[in-house]
C-alpha atoms as a PDB file:
ATOM      1  CA  MET A   1      93.982  96.699 117.622  1.00  0.00           C
ATOM      2  CA  THR A   2      95.650  98.020 114.481  1.00  0.00           C
ATOM      3  CA  GLN A   3      97.677  95.482 112.529  1.00  0.00           C
ATOM      4  CA  LEU A   4      99.277  95.151 109.099  1.00  0.00           C
ATOM      5  CA  LEU A   5      97.475  92.611 106.962  1.00  0.00           C
ATOM      6  CA  ASP A   6      99.384  89.402 106.169  1.00  0.00           C
ATOM      7  CA  TRP A   7     102.608  90.740 107.690  1.00  0.00           C
ATOM      8  CA  SER A   8     103.751  87.253 108.736  1.00  0.00           C
ATOM      9  CA  LYS A   9     104.055  86.182 105.086  1.00  0.00           C
ATOM     10  CA  THR A  10     107.051  88.507 104.580  1.00  0.00           C
ATOM     11  CA  LEU A  11     110.245  86.882 105.885  1.00  0.00           C
ATOM     12  CA  VAL A  12     113.573  88.702 105.569  1.00  0.00           C
ATOM     13  CA  PRO A  13     116.478  87.236 107.552  1.00  0.00           C
ATOM     14  CA  GLN A  14     119.188  89.729 108.498  1.00  0.00           C
ATOM     15  CA  ARG A  15     122.401  88.528 106.861  1.00  0.00           C
ATOM     16  CA  HIS A  16     124.920  90.841 108.556  1.00  0.00           C
ATOM     17  CA  GLU A  17     125.457  91.932 112.153  1.00  0.00           C
ATOM     18  CA  SER A  18     125.392  95.642 111.328  1.00  0.00           C
ATOM     19  CA  GLY A  19     122.528  95.390 108.849  1.00  0.00           C
ATOM     20  CA  CYS A  20     119.249  95.949 110.687  1.00  0.00           C
ATOM     21  CA  VAL A  21     118.580  99.160 108.717  1.00  0.00           C
ATOM     22  CA  PRO A  22     118.973  97.676 105.207  1.00  0.00           C
ATOM     23  CA  THR A  23     117.183  94.514 106.364  1.00  0.00           C
ATOM     24  CA  GLY A  24     114.290  96.641 107.565  1.00  0.00           C
ATOM     25  CA  TYR A  25     114.083  98.504 104.267  1.00  0.00           C
ATOM     26  CA  GLU A  26     114.219  95.195 102.380  1.00  0.00           C
ATOM     27  CA  TRP A  27     111.303  93.999 104.524  1.00  0.00           C
ATOM     28  CA  LEU A  28     109.301  97.131 103.636  1.00  0.00           C
ATOM     29  CA  ILE A  29     110.051  96.724  99.912  1.00  0.00           C
ATOM     30  CA  ARG A  30     109.068  93.057  99.944  1.00  0.00           C
ATOM     31  CA  TYR A  31     105.928  93.686 102.021  1.00  0.00           C
ATOM     32  CA  LEU A  32     104.862  96.503  99.677  1.00  0.00           C
ATOM     33  CA  LYS A  33     105.734  94.357  96.636  1.00  0.00           C
ATOM     34  CA  ILE A  34     107.792  97.134  95.048  1.00  0.00           C
ATOM     35  CA  GLN A  35     109.086  95.937  91.690  1.00  0.00           C
ATOM     36  CA  GLY A  36     112.431  96.572  89.984  1.00  0.00           C
ATOM     37  CA  VAL A  37     114.619  96.282  93.099  1.00  0.00           C
ATOM     38  CA  ASN A  38     117.569  93.880  93.236  1.00  0.00           C
ATOM     39  CA  LEU A  39     116.579  92.066  96.422  1.00  0.00           C
ATOM     40  CA  GLY A  40     119.208  89.350  96.005  1.00  0.00           C
ATOM     41  CA  THR A  41     121.970  91.715  97.145  1.00  0.00           C
ATOM     42  CA  PHE A  42     119.894  94.498  98.707  1.00  0.00           C
ATOM     43  CA  GLN A  43     121.297  94.104 102.221  1.00  0.00           C
ATOM     44  CA  GLU A  44     124.879  94.040 100.952  1.00  0.00           C
ATOM     45  CA  ASP A  45     124.317  96.967  98.581  1.00  0.00           C
ATOM     46  CA  PHE A  46     122.864  99.203 101.296  1.00  0.00           C
ATOM     47  CA  ASP A  47     124.762  98.085 104.405  1.00  0.00           C
ATOM     48  CA  LEU A  48     126.902 101.095 105.325  1.00  0.00           C
ATOM     49  CA  GLY A  49     128.456  99.382 108.356  1.00  0.00           C
ATOM     50  CA  GLN A  50     129.044 101.828 111.205  1.00  0.00           C
ATOM     51  CA  ASN A  51     127.283 104.546 109.172  1.00  0.00           C
ATOM     52  CA  ASN A  52     123.967 102.663 109.060  1.00  0.00           C
ATOM     53  CA  GLY A  53     121.073 104.898 109.994  1.00  0.00           C
ATOM     54  CA  PHE A  54     117.750 105.894 108.505  1.00  0.00           C
ATOM     55  CA  ASP A  55     119.128 109.074 106.930  1.00  0.00           C
ATOM     56  CA  SER A  56     122.251 107.550 105.372  1.00  0.00           C
ATOM     57  CA  VAL A  57     120.703 104.306 104.121  1.00  0.00           C
ATOM     58  CA  SER A  58     117.532 105.985 102.827  1.00  0.00           C
ATOM     59  CA  ALA A  59     119.659 108.543 100.940  1.00  0.00           C
ATOM     60  CA  LYS A  60     121.561 105.743  99.249  1.00  0.00           C
ATOM     61  CA  ILE A  61     118.321 103.912  98.409  1.00  0.00           C
ATOM     62  CA  ARG A  62     116.900 107.109  96.862  1.00  0.00           C
ATOM     63  CA  SER A  63     120.094 107.603  94.829  1.00  0.00           C
ATOM     64  CA  VAL A  64     119.835 104.102  93.312  1.00  0.00           C
ATOM     65  CA  TYR A  65     116.028 103.848  93.184  1.00  0.00           C
ATOM     66  CA  PRO A  66     114.701 107.430  92.861  1.00  0.00           C
ATOM     67  CA  THR A  67     111.077 106.265  92.558  1.00  0.00           C
ATOM     68  CA  ILE A  68     111.151 104.756  96.075  1.00  0.00           C
ATOM     69  CA  LYS A  69     109.873 107.527  98.345  1.00  0.00           C
ATOM     70  CA  VAL A  70     111.538 106.790 101.682  1.00  0.00           C
ATOM     71  CA  LYS A  71     110.425 109.047 104.527  1.00  0.00           C
ATOM     72  CA  VAL A  72     112.166 109.567 107.872  1.00  0.00           C
ATOM     73  CA  GLU A  73     110.669 111.390 110.832  1.00  0.00           C
ATOM     74  CA  ILE A  74     112.319 112.250 114.158  1.00  0.00           C
ATOM     75  CA  PHE A  75     110.254 112.814 117.294  1.00  0.00           C
ATOM     76  CA  PRO A  76     111.151 114.829 120.406  1.00  0.00           C
ATOM     77  CA  LYS A  77     108.639 112.857 122.524  1.00  0.00           C
ATOM     78  CA  GLY A  78     107.929 109.144 122.586  1.00  0.00           C
ATOM     79  CA  ILE A  79     104.149 109.536 122.642  1.00  0.00           C
ATOM     80  CA  ASP A  80     104.337 111.502 119.380  1.00  0.00           C
ATOM     81  CA  LYS A  81     106.333 108.682 117.795  1.00  0.00           C
ATOM     82  CA  VAL A  82     103.803 106.090 118.977  1.00  0.00           C
ATOM     83  CA  ASN A  83     100.879 108.156 117.660  1.00  0.00           C
ATOM     84  CA  ARG A  84     102.542 108.532 114.251  1.00  0.00           C
ATOM     85  CA  ILE A  85     103.210 104.786 114.070  1.00  0.00           C
ATOM     86  CA  LYS A  86      99.570 104.116 114.904  1.00  0.00           C
ATOM     87  CA  SER A  87      98.359 106.478 112.169  1.00  0.00           C
ATOM     88  CA  LEU A  88     100.646 104.819 109.599  1.00  0.00           C
ATOM     89  CA  LEU A  89      99.439 101.331 110.533  1.00  0.00           C
ATOM     90  CA  GLU A  90      95.818 102.487 110.395  1.00  0.00           C
ATOM     91  CA  GLU A  91      96.542 103.420 106.746  1.00  0.00           C
ATOM     92  CA  GLN A  92      98.205  99.990 106.240  1.00  0.00           C
ATOM     93  CA  LYS A  93     101.572 101.722 105.728  1.00  0.00           C
ATOM     94  CA  PRO A  94     104.302  99.591 107.281  1.00  0.00           C
ATOM     95  CA  CYS A  95     107.086 101.414 109.074  1.00  0.00           C
ATOM     96  CA  LEU A  96     110.401 100.791 110.746  1.00  0.00           C
ATOM     97  CA  MET A  97     110.991 101.906 114.306  1.00  0.00           C
ATOM     98  CA  SER A  98     114.266 102.636 116.002  1.00  0.00           C
ATOM     99  CA  LEU A  99     114.159 101.213 119.530  1.00  0.00           C
ATOM    100  CA  ALA A 100     116.723 102.220 122.124  1.00  0.00           C
ATOM    101  CA  LEU A 101     118.103  99.075 123.776  1.00  0.00           C
ATOM    102  CA  GLY A 102     119.689 100.787 126.767  1.00  0.00           C
ATOM    103  CA  ASN A 103     122.267 103.445 127.519  1.00  0.00           C
ATOM    104  CA  GLY A 104     125.436 102.458 125.730  1.00  0.00           C
ATOM    105  CA  LEU A 105     123.752  99.486 124.049  1.00  0.00           C
ATOM    106  CA  GLY A 106     122.624 101.307 120.911  1.00  0.00           C
ATOM    107  CA  TRP A 107     119.325 100.620 119.214  1.00  0.00           C
ATOM    108  CA  HIS A 108     117.688  98.147 116.882  1.00  0.00           C
ATOM    109  CA  ILE A 109     115.633  98.915 113.776  1.00  0.00           C
ATOM    110  CA  MET A 110     112.543  96.734 113.376  1.00  0.00           C
ATOM    111  CA  PRO A 111     109.312  96.665 111.373  1.00  0.00           C
ATOM    112  CA  VAL A 112     106.201  97.477 113.417  1.00  0.00           C
ATOM    113  CA  VAL A 113     103.343  95.091 112.655  1.00  0.00           C
ATOM    114  CA  ARG A 114     100.729  95.736 115.355  1.00  0.00           C
ATOM    115  CA  ILE A 115      99.766  98.377 117.887  1.00  0.00           C
ATOM    116  CA  ASP A 116      97.150  98.666 120.630  1.00  0.00           C
ATOM    117  CA  GLU A 117      98.225  98.943 124.286  1.00  0.00           C
ATOM    118  CA  THR A 118     101.352  97.159 123.097  1.00  0.00           C
ATOM    119  CA  ILE A 119     103.591  97.421 120.055  1.00  0.00           C
ATOM    120  CA  GLN A 120     104.629  94.257 118.217  1.00  0.00           C
ATOM    121  CA  LEU A 121     107.899  94.392 116.259  1.00  0.00           C
ATOM    122  CA  ILE A 122     109.676  91.859 114.064  1.00  0.00           C
ATOM    123  CA  HIS A 123     112.964  91.281 115.875  1.00  0.00           C
ATOM    124  CA  HIS A 124     114.328  88.855 113.287  1.00  0.00           C
ATOM    125  CA  ALA A 125     113.314  86.160 110.831  1.00  0.00           C
ATOM    126  CA  ASP A 126     114.690  82.692 110.245  1.00  0.00           C
ATOM    127  CA  ALA A 127     113.627  79.446 108.576  1.00  0.00           C
ATOM    128  CA  ASP A 128     110.930  78.971 111.233  1.00  0.00           C
ATOM    129  CA  GLY A 129     109.331  82.368 110.584  1.00  0.00           C
ATOM    130  CA  ASN A 130     109.294  85.776 112.235  1.00  0.00           C
ATOM    131  CA  CYS A 131     110.419  86.194 115.831  1.00  0.00           C
ATOM    132  CA  THR A 132     108.625  89.170 117.366  1.00  0.00           C
ATOM    133  CA  TRP A 133     109.064  91.339 120.416  1.00  0.00           C
ATOM    134  CA  VAL A 134     106.076  92.898 122.150  1.00  0.00           C
ATOM    135  CA  PHE A 135     106.422  95.963 124.383  1.00  0.00           C
ATOM    136  CA  PRO A 136     103.822  97.958 126.283  1.00  0.00           C
ATOM    137  CA  VAL A 137     103.352 101.364 124.656  1.00  0.00           C
ATOM    138  CA  ALA A 138     104.372 102.967 127.965  1.00  0.00           C
ATOM    139  CA  GLU A 139     107.763 101.232 127.770  1.00  0.00           C
ATOM    140  CA  ILE A 140     108.302 102.384 124.178  1.00  0.00           C
ATOM    141  CA  VAL A 141     107.548 105.952 125.293  1.00  0.00           C
ATOM    142  CA  TRP A 142     109.877 105.616 128.301  1.00  0.00           C
ATOM    143  CA  ARG A 143     112.736 104.199 126.203  1.00  0.00           C
ATOM    144  CA  HIS A 144     112.285 107.025 123.707  1.00  0.00           C
ATOM    145  CA  ASP A 145     112.201 109.750 126.357  1.00  0.00           C
ATOM    146  CA  TYR A 146     114.919 108.487 128.722  1.00  0.00           C
ATOM    147  CA  LEU A 147     117.406 106.390 126.742  1.00  0.00           C
ATOM    148  CA  GLN A 148     119.908 107.523 124.155  1.00  0.00           C
ATOM    149  CA  GLY A 149     118.865 107.146 120.510  1.00  0.00           C
ATOM    150  CA  GLY A 150     115.835 105.495 119.004  1.00  0.00           C
ATOM    151  CA  HIS A 151     113.939 108.704 118.233  1.00  0.00           C
ATOM    152  CA  ASP A 152     112.985 108.108 114.612  1.00  0.00           C
ATOM    153  CA  ILE A 153     110.837 106.029 112.304  1.00  0.00           C
ATOM    154  CA  SER A 154     110.894 105.450 108.566  1.00  0.00           C
ATOM    155  CA  TRP A 155     108.444 104.261 105.938  1.00  0.00           C
ATOM    156  CA  ILE A 156     107.958 104.178 102.175  1.00  0.00           C
ATOM    157  CA  GLU A 157     105.190 106.224 100.588  1.00  0.00           C
ATOM    158  CA  PRO A 158     103.184 104.526  97.833  1.00  0.00           C
ATOM    159  CA  GLN A 159     104.533 105.018  94.308  1.00  0.00           C
END
């Protein structure tokens, strides 16, 4: 099993319905303990509403915080995405994964905290802690390959 160390100590509640992308990036920044970022209004500052996506939000983050090296990678096949996530977690590099929820239902962006035969994601956080979803790797691959969207991941390279 490959797991991020002490991931459960980082709690970031999503404050806006459309804000899973900026919430995810805030989680990465807090987990990585990146300094000099205004976290008090981070979700509001980087919530682009209907234009939220890894490319658009990461571009805005880079424009405000040029030292934060946000990376985005798109995968044609689900197994390639899973293998890349595993390699990042083996290096203790947290990442965000886009997960297709179903045709016409969009996708949700969540931090990945553990991988083995399953993938554990932080669905949301509240006063009681992190609420996680766990999916078999085969289902992640199937969702990637057969549902619309959810083909990319994002992470922050060390400074």
